Structures are given as C-alpha cells and as structure tokens.
Amino acid sequence: MEKETDEFITELYRELYTKLLIYASSALGDKSRAMAEQAVQETFLIACRKSTQLTESPNPRGWLFNTLKYVIKNMRRENSEMILYLEELKPLEEKGEEECLSPDTLYNDISLGED
C-alpha cells in the first residue's frame, strides 16, 4: 500500500472509528463490545485489502459504512450457523456424562476389523 493511501486510511480510521463502533454496537444489539470492535477491525482490514476501491470511491466514508454493514451481516450469519450446529449437539448433552464419554459411545462408528 502506498504511503498516501496508508495515511488516508489512517485518517478515516481516526475520524470514523467511534461512529462505526456505535453503529456496529447498535446493529449487533449491544450484545458485545468485543463483537462490535471485531466488526470495525474487519471493516478496516477490508479497506486495506481493497484500498484502490476505497480511494477511488466518490464517497469513501459511505464505502466504509456499507462494508461494515456487510461485515455485520456475515457475523450474524456465522453466529446463526454456530447456533444451529450447537443445537445439533444438544442430544449428546442430554445423555449422561458417563454415556457420552464411554469408549463404546465415542468410537461406536469405528470398525477395528479382525486381526
């Protein structure tokens, strides 16, 4: 990345970080400041990777906010997928701990074959 591009992104970061963080916190339902910070960091990572698109945009600030919206959308989708995955695991939790950890349960789908 060129020095002027780097300085431009740094300037945008200083100017918009708090606004982007507030937007992300609101959009994520104030669930976690860490998630909002992660979303903003991911937004600026994308800005660095796509610096040409950012600098050539007629509205770089709007470009950043739109990028943040997509980052948040992806985070929500990933969280939904994780929740669905965890829901699939619930039947294991309903079994007793001993049954879940027994070798018969853990390895019942592995065929050892005959020697």
PDB file of N, CA and C in Angstrom:
ATOM      1  N   MET A   1       0.852  -1.173   0.000  1.00  0.00           N
ATOM      2  CA  MET A   1       0.000   0.000   0.000  1.00  0.00           C
ATOM      3  C   MET A   1       0.896   1.234   0.000  1.00  0.00           C
ATOM      4  N   GLU A   2       0.528   2.207  -0.799  1.00  0.00           N
ATOM      5  CA  GLU A   2       1.305   3.443  -0.891  1.00  0.00           C
ATOM      6  C   GLU A   2       1.157   4.270   0.379  1.00  0.00           C
ATOM      7  N   LYS A   3       2.140   5.119   0.601  1.00  0.00           N
ATOM      8  CA  LYS A   3       2.151   5.925   1.816  1.00  0.00           C
ATOM      9  C   LYS A   3       0.928   6.835   1.910  1.00  0.00           C
ATOM     10  N   GLU A   4       0.551   7.479   0.798  1.00  0.00           N
ATOM     11  CA  GLU A   4      -0.613   8.373   0.862  1.00  0.00           C
ATOM     12  C   GLU A   4      -1.900   7.605   1.093  1.00  0.00           C
ATOM     13  N   THR A   5      -2.003   6.405   0.540  1.00  0.00           N
ATOM     14  CA  THR A   5      -3.172   5.560   0.785  1.00  0.00           C
ATOM     15  C   THR A   5      -3.215   5.149   2.248  1.00  0.00           C
ATOM     16  N   ASP A   6      -2.061   4.776   2.776  1.00  0.00           N
ATOM     17  CA  ASP A   6      -1.954   4.398   4.185  1.00  0.00           C
ATOM     18  C   ASP A   6      -2.375   5.575   5.081  1.00  0.00           C
ATOM     19  N   GLU A   7      -1.911   6.751   4.762  1.00  0.00           N
ATOM     20  CA  GLU A   7      -2.274   7.947   5.546  1.00  0.00           C
ATOM     21  C   GLU A   7      -3.764   8.252   5.424  1.00  0.00           C
ATOM     22  N   PHE A   8      -4.316   8.050   4.232  1.00  0.00           N
ATOM     23  CA  PHE A   8      -5.745   8.300   4.013  1.00  0.00           C
ATOM     24  C   PHE A   8      -6.592   7.349   4.862  1.00  0.00           C
ATOM     25  N   ILE A   9      -6.228   6.074   4.871  1.00  0.00           N
ATOM     26  CA  ILE A   9      -6.973   5.105   5.673  1.00  0.00           C
ATOM     27  C   ILE A   9      -6.806   5.399   7.158  1.00  0.00           C
ATOM     28  N   THR A  10      -5.618   5.788   7.572  1.00  0.00           N
ATOM     29  CA  THR A  10      -5.385   6.149   8.972  1.00  0.00           C
ATOM     30  C   THR A  10      -6.247   7.335   9.369  1.00  0.00           C
ATOM     31  N   GLU A  11      -6.360   8.308   8.485  1.00  0.00           N
ATOM     32  CA  GLU A  11      -7.210   9.480   8.742  1.00  0.00           C
ATOM     33  C   GLU A  11      -8.678   9.066   8.877  1.00  0.00           C
ATOM     34  N   LEU A  12      -9.134   8.208   7.975  1.00  0.00           N
ATOM     35  CA  LEU A  12     -10.515   7.719   8.053  1.00  0.00           C
ATOM     36  C   LEU A  12     -10.740   6.939   9.351  1.00  0.00           C
ATOM     37  N   TYR A  13      -9.757   6.157   9.741  1.00  0.00           N
ATOM     38  CA  TYR A  13      -9.854   5.386  10.987  1.00  0.00           C
ATOM     39  C   TYR A  13     -10.036   6.318  12.176  1.00  0.00           C
ATOM     40  N   ARG A  14      -9.196   7.328  12.257  1.00  0.00           N
ATOM     41  CA  ARG A  14      -9.290   8.282  13.375  1.00  0.00           C
ATOM     42  C   ARG A  14     -10.621   9.031  13.366  1.00  0.00           C
ATOM     43  N   GLU A  15     -11.082   9.367  12.182  1.00  0.00           N
ATOM     44  CA  GLU A  15     -12.322  10.131  12.053  1.00  0.00           C
ATOM     45  C   GLU A  15     -13.567   9.295  12.336  1.00  0.00           C
ATOM     46  N   LEU A  16     -13.578   8.054  11.866  1.00  0.00           N
ATOM     47  CA  LEU A  16     -14.818   7.277  11.863  1.00  0.00           C
ATOM     48  C   LEU A  16     -14.879   6.118  12.842  1.00  0.00           C
ATOM     49  N   TYR A  17     -13.787   5.794  13.508  1.00  0.00           N
ATOM     50  CA  TYR A  17     -13.778   4.613  14.368  1.00  0.00           C
ATOM     51  C   TYR A  17     -14.937   4.621  15.357  1.00  0.00           C
ATOM     52  N   THR A  18     -15.106   5.699  16.085  1.00  0.00           N
ATOM     53  CA  THR A  18     -16.157   5.763  17.112  1.00  0.00           C
ATOM     54  C   THR A  18     -17.544   5.648  16.488  1.00  0.00           C
ATOM     55  N   LYS A  19     -17.760   6.328  15.372  1.00  0.00           N
ATOM     56  CA  LYS A  19     -19.071   6.261  14.707  1.00  0.00           C
ATOM     57  C   LYS A  19     -19.358   4.842  14.203  1.00  0.00           C
ATOM     58  N   LEU A  20     -18.347   4.216  13.623  1.00  0.00           N
ATOM     59  CA  LEU A  20     -18.525   2.849  13.145  1.00  0.00           C
ATOM     60  C   LEU A  20     -18.769   1.891  14.313  1.00  0.00           C
ATOM     61  N   LEU A  21     -18.068   2.106  15.417  1.00  0.00           N
ATOM     62  CA  LEU A  21     -18.241   1.256  16.595  1.00  0.00           C
ATOM     63  C   LEU A  21     -19.649   1.401  17.169  1.00  0.00           C
ATOM     64  N   ILE A  22     -20.144   2.627  17.248  1.00  0.00           N
ATOM     65  CA  ILE A  22     -21.509   2.864  17.745  1.00  0.00           C
ATOM     66  C   ILE A  22     -22.523   2.189  16.821  1.00  0.00           C
ATOM     67  N   TYR A  23     -22.319   2.324  15.515  1.00  0.00           N
ATOM     68  CA  TYR A  23     -23.229   1.683  14.563  1.00  0.00           C
ATOM     69  C   TYR A  23     -23.200   0.165  14.741  1.00  0.00           C
ATOM     70  N   ALA A  24     -22.000  -0.397  14.825  1.00  0.00           N
ATOM     71  CA  ALA A  24     -21.876  -1.850  14.965  1.00  0.00           C
ATOM     72  C   ALA A  24     -22.503  -2.332  16.270  1.00  0.00           C
ATOM     73  N   SER A  25     -22.290  -1.602  17.356  1.00  0.00           N
ATOM     74  CA  SER A  25     -22.887  -1.974  18.644  1.00  0.00           C
ATOM     75  C   SER A  25     -24.404  -1.982  18.551  1.00  0.00           C
ATOM     76  N   SER A  26     -24.937  -0.979  17.904  1.00  0.00           N
ATOM     77  CA  SER A  26     -26.384  -0.884  17.747  1.00  0.00           C
ATOM     78  C   SER A  26     -26.913  -2.009  16.859  1.00  0.00           C
ATOM     79  N   ALA A  27     -26.230  -2.253  15.762  1.00  0.00           N
ATOM     80  CA  ALA A  27     -26.680  -3.273  14.810  1.00  0.00           C
ATOM     81  C   ALA A  27     -26.564  -4.683  15.385  1.00  0.00           C
ATOM     82  N   LEU A  28     -25.587  -4.882  16.250  1.00  0.00           N
ATOM     83  CA  LEU A  28     -25.410  -6.202  16.850  1.00  0.00           C
ATOM     84  C   LEU A  28     -26.203  -6.344  18.138  1.00  0.00           C
ATOM     85  N   GLY A  29     -26.989  -5.340  18.469  1.00  0.00           N
ATOM     86  CA  GLY A  29     -27.852  -5.412  19.635  1.00  0.00           C
ATOM     87  C   GLY A  29     -27.117  -5.251  20.944  1.00  0.00           C
ATOM     88  N   ASP A  30     -26.037  -4.514  20.936  1.00  0.00           N
ATOM     89  CA  ASP A  30     -25.253  -4.283  22.158  1.00  0.00           C
ATOM     90  C   ASP A  30     -24.897  -5.588  22.864  1.00  0.00           C
ATOM     91  N   LYS A  31     -24.804  -6.679  22.116  1.00  0.00           N
ATOM     92  CA  LYS A  31     -24.503  -7.980  22.716  1.00  0.00           C
ATOM     93  C   LYS A  31     -23.096  -8.000  23.293  1.00  0.00           C
ATOM     94  N   SER A  32     -22.189  -7.409  22.563  1.00  0.00           N
ATOM     95  CA  SER A  32     -20.810  -7.490  22.993  1.00  0.00           C
ATOM     96  C   SER A  32     -20.013  -6.375  22.351  1.00  0.00           C
ATOM     97  N   ARG A  33     -19.358  -5.601  23.172  1.00  0.00           N
ATOM     98  CA  ARG A  33     -18.483  -4.569  22.622  1.00  0.00           C
ATOM     99  C   ARG A  33     -17.372  -5.217  21.813  1.00  0.00           C
ATOM    100  N   ALA A  34     -16.918  -6.369  22.254  1.00  0.00           N
ATOM    101  CA  ALA A  34     -15.850  -7.062  21.539  1.00  0.00           C
ATOM    102  C   ALA A  34     -16.284  -7.433  20.121  1.00  0.00           C
ATOM    103  N   MET A  35     -17.539  -7.863  19.965  1.00  0.00           N
ATOM    104  CA  MET A  35     -18.039  -8.197  18.619  1.00  0.00           C
ATOM    105  C   MET A  35     -18.095  -6.951  17.747  1.00  0.00           C
ATOM    106  N   ALA A  36     -18.521  -5.839  18.315  1.00  0.00           N
ATOM    107  CA  ALA A  36     -18.590  -4.587  17.565  1.00  0.00           C
ATOM    108  C   ALA A  36     -17.183  -4.145  17.162  1.00  0.00           C
ATOM    109  N   GLU A  37     -16.242  -4.248  18.089  1.00  0.00           N
ATOM    110  CA  GLU A  37     -14.856  -3.897  17.771  1.00  0.00           C
ATOM    111  C   GLU A  37     -14.305  -4.806  16.680  1.00  0.00           C
ATOM    112  N   GLN A  38     -14.628  -6.078  16.761  1.00  0.00           N
ATOM    113  CA  GLN A  38     -14.188  -7.027  15.742  1.00  0.00           C
ATOM    114  C   GLN A  38     -14.750  -6.641  14.372  1.00  0.00           C
ATOM    115  N   ALA A  39     -16.006  -6.236  14.333  1.00  0.00           N
ATOM    116  CA  ALA A  39     -16.636  -5.845  13.067  1.00  0.00           C
ATOM    117  C   ALA A  39     -15.934  -4.628  12.468  1.00  0.00           C
ATOM    118  N   VAL A  40     -15.617  -3.653  13.308  1.00  0.00           N
ATOM    119  CA  VAL A  40     -14.937  -2.449  12.818  1.00  0.00           C
ATOM    120  C   VAL A  40     -13.524  -2.795  12.352  1.00  0.00           C
ATOM    121  N   GLN A  41     -12.829  -3.636  13.097  1.00  0.00           N
ATOM    122  CA  GLN A  41     -11.484  -4.044  12.689  1.00  0.00           C
ATOM    123  C   GLN A  41     -11.515  -4.771  11.349  1.00  0.00           C
ATOM    124  N   GLU A  42     -12.496  -5.656  11.191  1.00  0.00           N
ATOM    125  CA  GLU A  42     -12.637  -6.381   9.925  1.00  0.00           C
ATOM    126  C   GLU A  42     -12.920  -5.411   8.785  1.00  0.00           C
ATOM    127  N   THR A  43     -13.714  -4.381   9.054  1.00  0.00           N
ATOM    128  CA  THR A  43     -14.025  -3.371   8.046  1.00  0.00           C
ATOM    129  C   THR A  43     -12.757  -2.672   7.572  1.00  0.00           C
ATOM    130  N   PHE A  44     -11.905  -2.289   8.512  1.00  0.00           N
ATOM    131  CA  PHE A  44     -10.666  -1.612   8.124  1.00  0.00           C
ATOM    132  C   PHE A  44      -9.662  -2.570   7.491  1.00  0.00           C
ATOM    133  N   LEU A  45      -9.708  -3.820   7.846  1.00  0.00           N
ATOM    134  CA  LEU A  45      -8.866  -4.812   7.178  1.00  0.00           C
ATOM    135  C   LEU A  45      -9.270  -4.921   5.711  1.00  0.00           C
ATOM    136  N   ILE A  46     -10.564  -4.955   5.462  1.00  0.00           N
ATOM    137  CA  ILE A  46     -11.063  -4.986   4.081  1.00  0.00           C
ATOM    138  C   ILE A  46     -10.678  -3.713   3.362  1.00  0.00           C
ATOM    139  N   ALA A  47     -10.764  -2.579   4.057  1.00  0.00           N
ATOM    140  CA  ALA A  47     -10.377  -1.297   3.454  1.00  0.00           C
ATOM    141  C   ALA A  47      -8.913  -1.318   3.020  1.00  0.00           C
ATOM    142  N   CYS A  48      -8.063  -1.916   3.834  1.00  0.00           N
ATOM    143  CA  CYS A  48      -6.643  -2.017   3.471  1.00  0.00           C
ATOM    144  C   CYS A  48      -6.449  -2.955   2.283  1.00  0.00           C
ATOM    145  N   ARG A  49      -7.173  -4.049   2.281  1.00  0.00           N
ATOM    146  CA  ARG A  49      -7.044  -5.015   1.177  1.00  0.00           C
ATOM    147  C   ARG A  49      -7.598  -4.459  -0.129  1.00  0.00           C
ATOM    148  N   LYS A  50      -8.642  -3.657  -0.014  1.00  0.00           N
ATOM    149  CA  LYS A  50      -9.293  -3.100  -1.203  1.00  0.00           C
ATOM    150  C   LYS A  50      -9.089  -1.585  -1.248  1.00  0.00           C
ATOM    151  N   SER A  51      -7.878  -1.181  -0.957  1.00  0.00           N
ATOM    152  CA  SER A  51      -7.586   0.249  -0.843  1.00  0.00           C
ATOM    153  C   SER A  51      -7.846   1.019  -2.136  1.00  0.00           C
ATOM    154  N   THR A  52      -7.644   0.371  -3.272  1.00  0.00           N
ATOM    155  CA  THR A  52      -7.907   1.048  -4.543  1.00  0.00           C
ATOM    156  C   THR A  52      -9.383   1.379  -4.676  1.00  0.00           C
ATOM    157  N   GLN A  53     -10.253   0.414  -4.353  1.00  0.00           N
ATOM    158  CA  GLN A  53     -11.697   0.676  -4.409  1.00  0.00           C
ATOM    159  C   GLN A  53     -12.089   1.786  -3.445  1.00  0.00           C
ATOM    160  N   LEU A  54     -11.504   1.756  -2.251  1.00  0.00           N
ATOM    161  CA  LEU A  54     -11.820   2.776  -1.253  1.00  0.00           C
ATOM    162  C   LEU A  54     -11.393   4.151  -1.716  1.00  0.00           C
ATOM    163  N   THR A  55     -10.162   4.275  -2.160  1.00  0.00           N
ATOM    164  CA  THR A  55      -9.657   5.598  -2.543  1.00  0.00           C
ATOM    165  C   THR A  55     -10.302   6.126  -3.817  1.00  0.00           C
ATOM    166  N   GLU A  56     -10.753   5.242  -4.694  1.00  0.00           N
ATOM    167  CA  GLU A  56     -11.407   5.674  -5.927  1.00  0.00           C
ATOM    168  C   GLU A  56     -12.906   5.909  -5.746  1.00  0.00           C
ATOM    169  N   SER A  57     -13.421   5.538  -4.603  1.00  0.00           N
ATOM    170  CA  SER A  57     -14.844   5.728  -4.341  1.00  0.00           C
ATOM    171  C   SER A  57     -15.152   7.218  -4.233  1.00  0.00           C
ATOM    172  N   PRO A  58     -16.286   7.651  -4.820  1.00  0.00           N
ATOM    173  CA  PRO A  58     -16.670   9.056  -4.665  1.00  0.00           C
ATOM    174  C   PRO A  58     -17.092   9.377  -3.222  1.00  0.00           C
ATOM    175  N   ASN A  59     -17.362   8.328  -2.436  1.00  0.00           N
ATOM    176  CA  ASN A  59     -17.791   8.512  -1.046  1.00  0.00           C
ATOM    177  C   ASN A  59     -17.111   7.455  -0.160  1.00  0.00           C
ATOM    178  N   PRO A  60     -15.835   7.672   0.177  1.00  0.00           N
ATOM    179  CA  PRO A  60     -15.114   6.666   0.961  1.00  0.00           C
ATOM    180  C   PRO A  60     -15.733   6.396   2.330  1.00  0.00           C
ATOM    181  N   ARG A  61     -16.317   7.407   2.951  1.00  0.00           N
ATOM    182  CA  ARG A  61     -16.952   7.207   4.252  1.00  0.00           C
ATOM    183  C   ARG A  61     -18.166   6.293   4.110  1.00  0.00           C
ATOM    184  N   GLY A  62     -18.950   6.526   3.087  1.00  0.00           N
ATOM    185  CA  GLY A  62     -20.093   5.661   2.796  1.00  0.00           C
ATOM    186  C   GLY A  62     -19.644   4.252   2.445  1.00  0.00           C
ATOM    187  N   TRP A  63     -18.531   4.144   1.728  1.00  0.00           N
ATOM    188  CA  TRP A  63     -17.962   2.845   1.374  1.00  0.00           C
ATOM    189  C   TRP A  63     -17.642   2.063   2.642  1.00  0.00           C
ATOM    190  N   LEU A  64     -17.048   2.733   3.625  1.00  0.00           N
ATOM    191  CA  LEU A  64     -16.719   2.068   4.891  1.00  0.00           C
ATOM    192  C   LEU A  64     -17.971   1.618   5.631  1.00  0.00           C
ATOM    193  N   PHE A  65     -18.989   2.482   5.679  1.00  0.00           N
ATOM    194  CA  PHE A  65     -20.220   2.098   6.375  1.00  0.00           C
ATOM    195  C   PHE A  65     -20.905   0.929   5.676  1.00  0.00           C
ATOM    196  N   ASN A  66     -20.920   0.952   4.347  1.00  0.00           N
ATOM    197  CA  ASN A  66     -21.512  -0.178   3.618  1.00  0.00           C
ATOM    198  C   ASN A  66     -20.721  -1.458   3.847  1.00  0.00           C
ATOM    199  N   THR A  67     -19.412  -1.345   3.888  1.00  0.00           N
ATOM    200  CA  THR A  67     -18.578  -2.513   4.168  1.00  0.00           C
ATOM    201  C   THR A  67     -18.882  -3.045   5.563  1.00  0.00           C
ATOM    202  N   LEU A  68     -19.021  -2.145   6.532  1.00  0.00           N
ATOM    203  CA  LEU A  68     -19.353  -2.557   7.897  1.00  0.00           C
ATOM    204  C   LEU A  68     -20.694  -3.286   7.927  1.00  0.00           C
ATOM    205  N   LYS A  69     -21.656  -2.804   7.158  1.00  0.00           N
ATOM    206  CA  LYS A  69     -22.964  -3.479   7.106  1.00  0.00           C
ATOM    207  C   LYS A  69     -22.815  -4.919   6.626  1.00  0.00           C
ATOM    208  N   TYR A  70     -21.988  -5.138   5.596  1.00  0.00           N
ATOM    209  CA  TYR A  70     -21.768  -6.495   5.092  1.00  0.00           C
ATOM    210  C   TYR A  70     -21.023  -7.355   6.102  1.00  0.00           C
ATOM    211  N   VAL A  71     -20.067  -6.756   6.804  1.00  0.00           N
ATOM    212  CA  VAL A  71     -19.325  -7.493   7.833  1.00  0.00           C
ATOM    213  C   VAL A  71     -20.295  -7.956   8.924  1.00  0.00           C
ATOM    214  N   ILE A  72     -21.170  -7.060   9.356  1.00  0.00           N
ATOM    215  CA  ILE A  72     -22.148  -7.389  10.397  1.00  0.00           C
ATOM    216  C   ILE A  72     -23.094  -8.487   9.909  1.00  0.00           C
ATOM    217  N   LYS A  73     -23.525  -8.368   8.675  1.00  0.00           N
ATOM    218  CA  LYS A  73     -24.408  -9.392   8.091  1.00  0.00           C
ATOM    219  C   LYS A  73     -23.722 -10.755   8.107  1.00  0.00           C
ATOM    220  N   ASN A  74     -22.446 -10.789   7.733  1.00  0.00           N
ATOM    221  CA  ASN A  74     -21.691 -12.049   7.745  1.00  0.00           C
ATOM    222  C   ASN A  74     -21.520 -12.574   9.167  1.00  0.00           C
ATOM    223  N   MET A  75     -21.264 -11.695  10.118  1.00  0.00           N
ATOM    224  CA  MET A  75     -21.122 -12.117  11.514  1.00  0.00           C
ATOM    225  C   MET A  75     -22.423 -12.735  12.017  1.00  0.00           C
ATOM    226  N   ARG A  76     -23.542 -12.116  11.688  1.00  0.00           N
ATOM    227  CA  ARG A  76     -24.844 -12.655  12.107  1.00  0.00           C
ATOM    228  C   ARG A  76     -25.074 -14.037  11.505  1.00  0.00           C
ATOM    229  N   ARG A  77     -24.738 -14.176  10.220  1.00  0.00           N
ATOM    230  CA  ARG A  77     -24.928 -15.468   9.550  1.00  0.00           C
ATOM    231  C   ARG A  77     -24.039 -16.530  10.194  1.00  0.00           C
ATOM    232  N   GLU A  78     -22.787 -16.182  10.460  1.00  0.00           N
ATOM    233  CA  GLU A  78     -21.877 -17.137  11.098  1.00  0.00           C
ATOM    234  C   GLU A  78     -22.379 -17.518  12.487  1.00  0.00           C
ATOM    235  N   ASN A  79     -22.903 -16.549  13.228  1.00  0.00           N
ATOM    236  CA  ASN A  79     -23.442 -16.841  14.561  1.00  0.00           C
ATOM    237  C   ASN A  79     -24.661 -17.740  14.467  1.00  0.00           C
ATOM    238  N   SER A  80     -25.512 -17.501  13.471  1.00  0.00           N
ATOM    239  CA  SER A  80     -26.692 -18.349  13.281  1.00  0.00           C
ATOM    240  C   SER A  80     -26.280 -19.768  12.942  1.00  0.00           C
ATOM    241  N   GLU A  81     -25.261 -19.913  12.091  1.00  0.00           N
ATOM    242  CA  GLU A  81     -24.780 -21.243  11.737  1.00  0.00           C
ATOM    243  C   GLU A  81     -24.204 -21.948  12.961  1.00  0.00           C
ATOM    244  N   MET A  82     -23.502 -21.205  13.811  1.00  0.00           N
ATOM    245  CA  MET A  82     -22.936 -21.794  15.021  1.00  0.00           C
ATOM    246  C   MET A  82     -24.046 -22.235  15.966  1.00  0.00           C
ATOM    247  N   ILE A  83     -25.098 -21.432  16.080  1.00  0.00           N
ATOM    248  CA  ILE A  83     -26.220 -21.794  16.950  1.00  0.00           C
ATOM    249  C   ILE A  83     -26.883 -23.066  16.438  1.00  0.00           C
ATOM    250  N   LEU A  84     -27.073 -23.161  15.115  1.00  0.00           N
ATOM    251  CA  LEU A  84     -27.666 -24.372  14.548  1.00  0.00           C
ATOM    252  C   LEU A  84     -26.783 -25.583  14.817  1.00  0.00           C
ATOM    253  N   TYR A  85     -25.487 -25.417  14.698  1.00  0.00           N
ATOM    254  CA  TYR A  85     -24.556 -26.502  14.970  1.00  0.00           C
ATOM    255  C   TYR A  85     -24.648 -26.931  16.430  1.00  0.00           C
ATOM    256  N   LEU A  86     -24.698 -25.961  17.320  1.00  0.00           N
ATOM    257  CA  LEU A  86     -24.796 -26.282  18.750  1.00  0.00           C
ATOM    258  C   LEU A  86     -26.125 -26.951  19.072  1.00  0.00           C
ATOM    259  N   GLU A  87     -27.182 -26.556  18.374  1.00  0.00           N
ATOM    260  CA  GLU A  87     -28.484 -27.198  18.573  1.00  0.00           C
ATOM    261  C   GLU A  87     -28.416 -28.671  18.184  1.00  0.00           C
ATOM    262  N   GLU A  88     -27.646 -28.970  17.133  1.00  0.00           N
ATOM    263  CA  GLU A  88     -27.498 -30.369  16.708  1.00  0.00           C
ATOM    264  C   GLU A  88     -26.776 -31.191  17.767  1.00  0.00           C
ATOM    265  N   LEU A  89     -25.932 -30.555  18.556  1.00  0.00           N
ATOM    266  CA  LEU A  89     -25.168 -31.265  19.583  1.00  0.00           C
ATOM    267  C   LEU A  89     -25.959 -31.501  20.864  1.00  0.00           C
ATOM    268  N   LYS A  90     -27.088 -30.848  21.028  1.00  0.00           N
ATOM    269  CA  LYS A  90     -27.855 -30.970  22.267  1.00  0.00           C
ATOM    270  C   LYS A  90     -28.215 -32.402  22.631  1.00  0.00           C
ATOM    271  N   PRO A  91     -28.591 -33.257  21.683  1.00  0.00           N
ATOM    272  CA  PRO A  91     -28.899 -34.632  22.095  1.00  0.00           C
ATOM    273  C   PRO A  91     -27.744 -35.298  22.839  1.00  0.00           C
ATOM    274  N   LEU A  92     -26.509 -34.963  22.504  1.00  0.00           N
ATOM    275  CA  LEU A  92     -25.369 -35.522  23.225  1.00  0.00           C
ATOM    276  C   LEU A  92     -25.346 -35.025  24.667  1.00  0.00           C
ATOM    277  N   GLU A  93     -25.708 -33.765  24.862  1.00  0.00           N
ATOM    278  CA  GLU A  93     -25.704 -33.194  26.202  1.00  0.00           C
ATOM    279  C   GLU A  93     -26.784 -33.818  27.082  1.00  0.00           C
ATOM    280  N   GLU A  94     -27.873 -34.251  26.445  1.00  0.00           N
ATOM    281  CA  GLU A  94     -28.974 -34.823  27.206  1.00  0.00           C
ATOM    282  C   GLU A  94     -28.633 -36.204  27.751  1.00  0.00           C
ATOM    283  N   LYS A  95     -27.663 -36.874  27.157  1.00  0.00           N
ATOM    284  CA  LYS A  95     -27.227 -38.171  27.676  1.00  0.00           C
ATOM    285  C   LYS A  95     -26.390 -37.918  28.924  1.00  0.00           C
ATOM    286  N   GLY A  96     -26.253 -38.922  29.726  1.00  0.00           N
ATOM    287  CA  GLY A  96     -25.414 -38.787  30.903  1.00  0.00           C
ATOM    288  C   GLY A  96     -23.957 -38.609  30.506  1.00  0.00           C
ATOM    289  N   GLU A  97     -23.202 -37.934  31.336  1.00  0.00           N
ATOM    290  CA  GLU A  97     -21.796 -37.680  31.038  1.00  0.00           C
ATOM    291  C   GLU A  97     -21.029 -38.988  30.834  1.00  0.00           C
ATOM    292  N   GLU A  98     -21.301 -39.981  31.663  1.00  0.00           N
ATOM    293  CA  GLU A  98     -20.598 -41.248  31.537  1.00  0.00           C
ATOM    294  C   GLU A  98     -20.873 -41.897  30.190  1.00  0.00           C
ATOM    295  N   GLU A  99     -22.139 -41.827  29.756  1.00  0.00           N
ATOM    296  CA  GLU A  99     -22.505 -42.450  28.484  1.00  0.00           C
ATOM    297  C   GLU A  99     -21.827 -41.732  27.325  1.00  0.00           C
ATOM    298  N   CYS A 100     -21.753 -40.390  27.367  1.00  0.00           N
ATOM    299  CA  CYS A 100     -21.132 -39.621  26.288  1.00  0.00           C
ATOM    300  C   CYS A 100     -19.639 -39.875  26.216  1.00  0.00           C
ATOM    301  N   LEU A 101     -19.024 -40.124  27.349  1.00  0.00           N
ATOM    302  CA  LEU A 101     -17.578 -40.280  27.378  1.00  0.00           C
ATOM    303  C   LEU A 101     -17.130 -41.735  27.319  1.00  0.00           C
ATOM    304  N   SER A 102     -18.058 -42.657  27.315  1.00  0.00           N
ATOM    305  CA  SER A 102     -17.657 -44.060  27.281  1.00  0.00           C
ATOM    306  C   SER A 102     -17.045 -44.382  25.917  1.00  0.00           C
ATOM    307  N   PRO A 103     -16.055 -45.271  25.893  1.00  0.00           N
ATOM    308  CA  PRO A 103     -15.435 -45.654  24.616  1.00  0.00           C
ATOM    309  C   PRO A 103     -16.445 -46.216  23.626  1.00  0.00           C
ATOM    310  N   ASP A 104     -17.432 -46.954  24.130  1.00  0.00           N
ATOM    311  CA  ASP A 104     -18.441 -47.505  23.222  1.00  0.00           C
ATOM    312  C   ASP A 104     -19.191 -46.406  22.490  1.00  0.00           C
ATOM    313  N   THR A 105     -19.511 -45.325  23.202  1.00  0.00           N
ATOM    314  CA  THR A 105     -20.232 -44.214  22.581  1.00  0.00           C
ATOM    315  C   THR A 105     -19.312 -43.406  21.675  1.00  0.00           C
ATOM    316  N   LEU A 106     -18.120 -43.121  22.143  1.00  0.00           N
ATOM    317  CA  LEU A 106     -17.202 -42.286  21.375  1.00  0.00           C
ATOM    318  C   LEU A 106     -16.728 -42.946  20.090  1.00  0.00           C
ATOM    319  N   TYR A 107     -16.565 -44.265  20.111  1.00  0.00           N
ATOM    320  CA  TYR A 107     -15.963 -44.940  18.983  1.00  0.00           C
ATOM    321  C   TYR A 107     -16.882 -45.981  18.345  1.00  0.00           C
ATOM    322  N   ASN A 108     -18.193 -45.848  18.527  1.00  0.00           N
ATOM    323  CA  ASN A 108     -19.106 -46.858  18.013  1.00  0.00           C
ATOM    324  C   ASN A 108     -19.157 -46.903  16.495  1.00  0.00           C
ATOM    325  N   ASP A 109     -18.704 -45.866  15.811  1.00  0.00           N
ATOM    326  CA  ASP A 109     -18.761 -45.868  14.360  1.00  0.00           C
ATOM    327  C   ASP A 109     -17.420 -46.285  13.715  1.00  0.00           C
ATOM    328  N   ILE A 110     -16.462 -46.691  14.532  1.00  0.00           N
ATOM    329  CA  ILE A 110     -15.160 -47.086  14.017  1.00  0.00           C
ATOM    330  C   ILE A 110     -15.054 -48.611  14.013  1.00  0.00           C
ATOM    331  N   SER A 111     -14.754 -49.140  12.869  1.00  0.00           N
ATOM    332  CA  SER A 111     -14.574 -50.593  12.755  1.00  0.00           C
ATOM    333  C   SER A 111     -13.101 -50.890  12.936  1.00  0.00           C
ATOM    334  N   LEU A 112     -12.807 -51.733  13.914  1.00  0.00           N
ATOM    335  CA  LEU A 112     -11.418 -52.088  14.181  1.00  0.00           C
ATOM    336  C   LEU A 112     -10.967 -53.249  13.314  1.00  0.00           C
ATOM    337  N   GLY A 113     -11.903 -53.959  12.766  1.00  0.00           N
ATOM    338  CA  GLY A 113     -11.560 -55.094  11.899  1.00  0.00           C
ATOM    339  C   GLY A 113     -11.061 -56.267  12.707  1.00  0.00           C
ATOM    340  N   GLU A 114     -10.803 -57.330  12.041  1.00  0.00           N
ATOM    341  CA  GLU A 114     -10.344 -58.562  12.685  1.00  0.00           C
ATOM    342  C   GLU A 114      -8.854 -58.745  12.356  1.00  0.00           C
ATOM    343  N   ASP A 115      -8.080 -59.133  13.340  1.00  0.00           N
ATOM    344  CA  ASP A 115      -6.650 -59.387  13.101  1.00  0.00           C
ATOM    345  C   ASP A 115      -6.420 -60.799  12.652  1.00  0.00           C
TER     346      ASP A 115
END
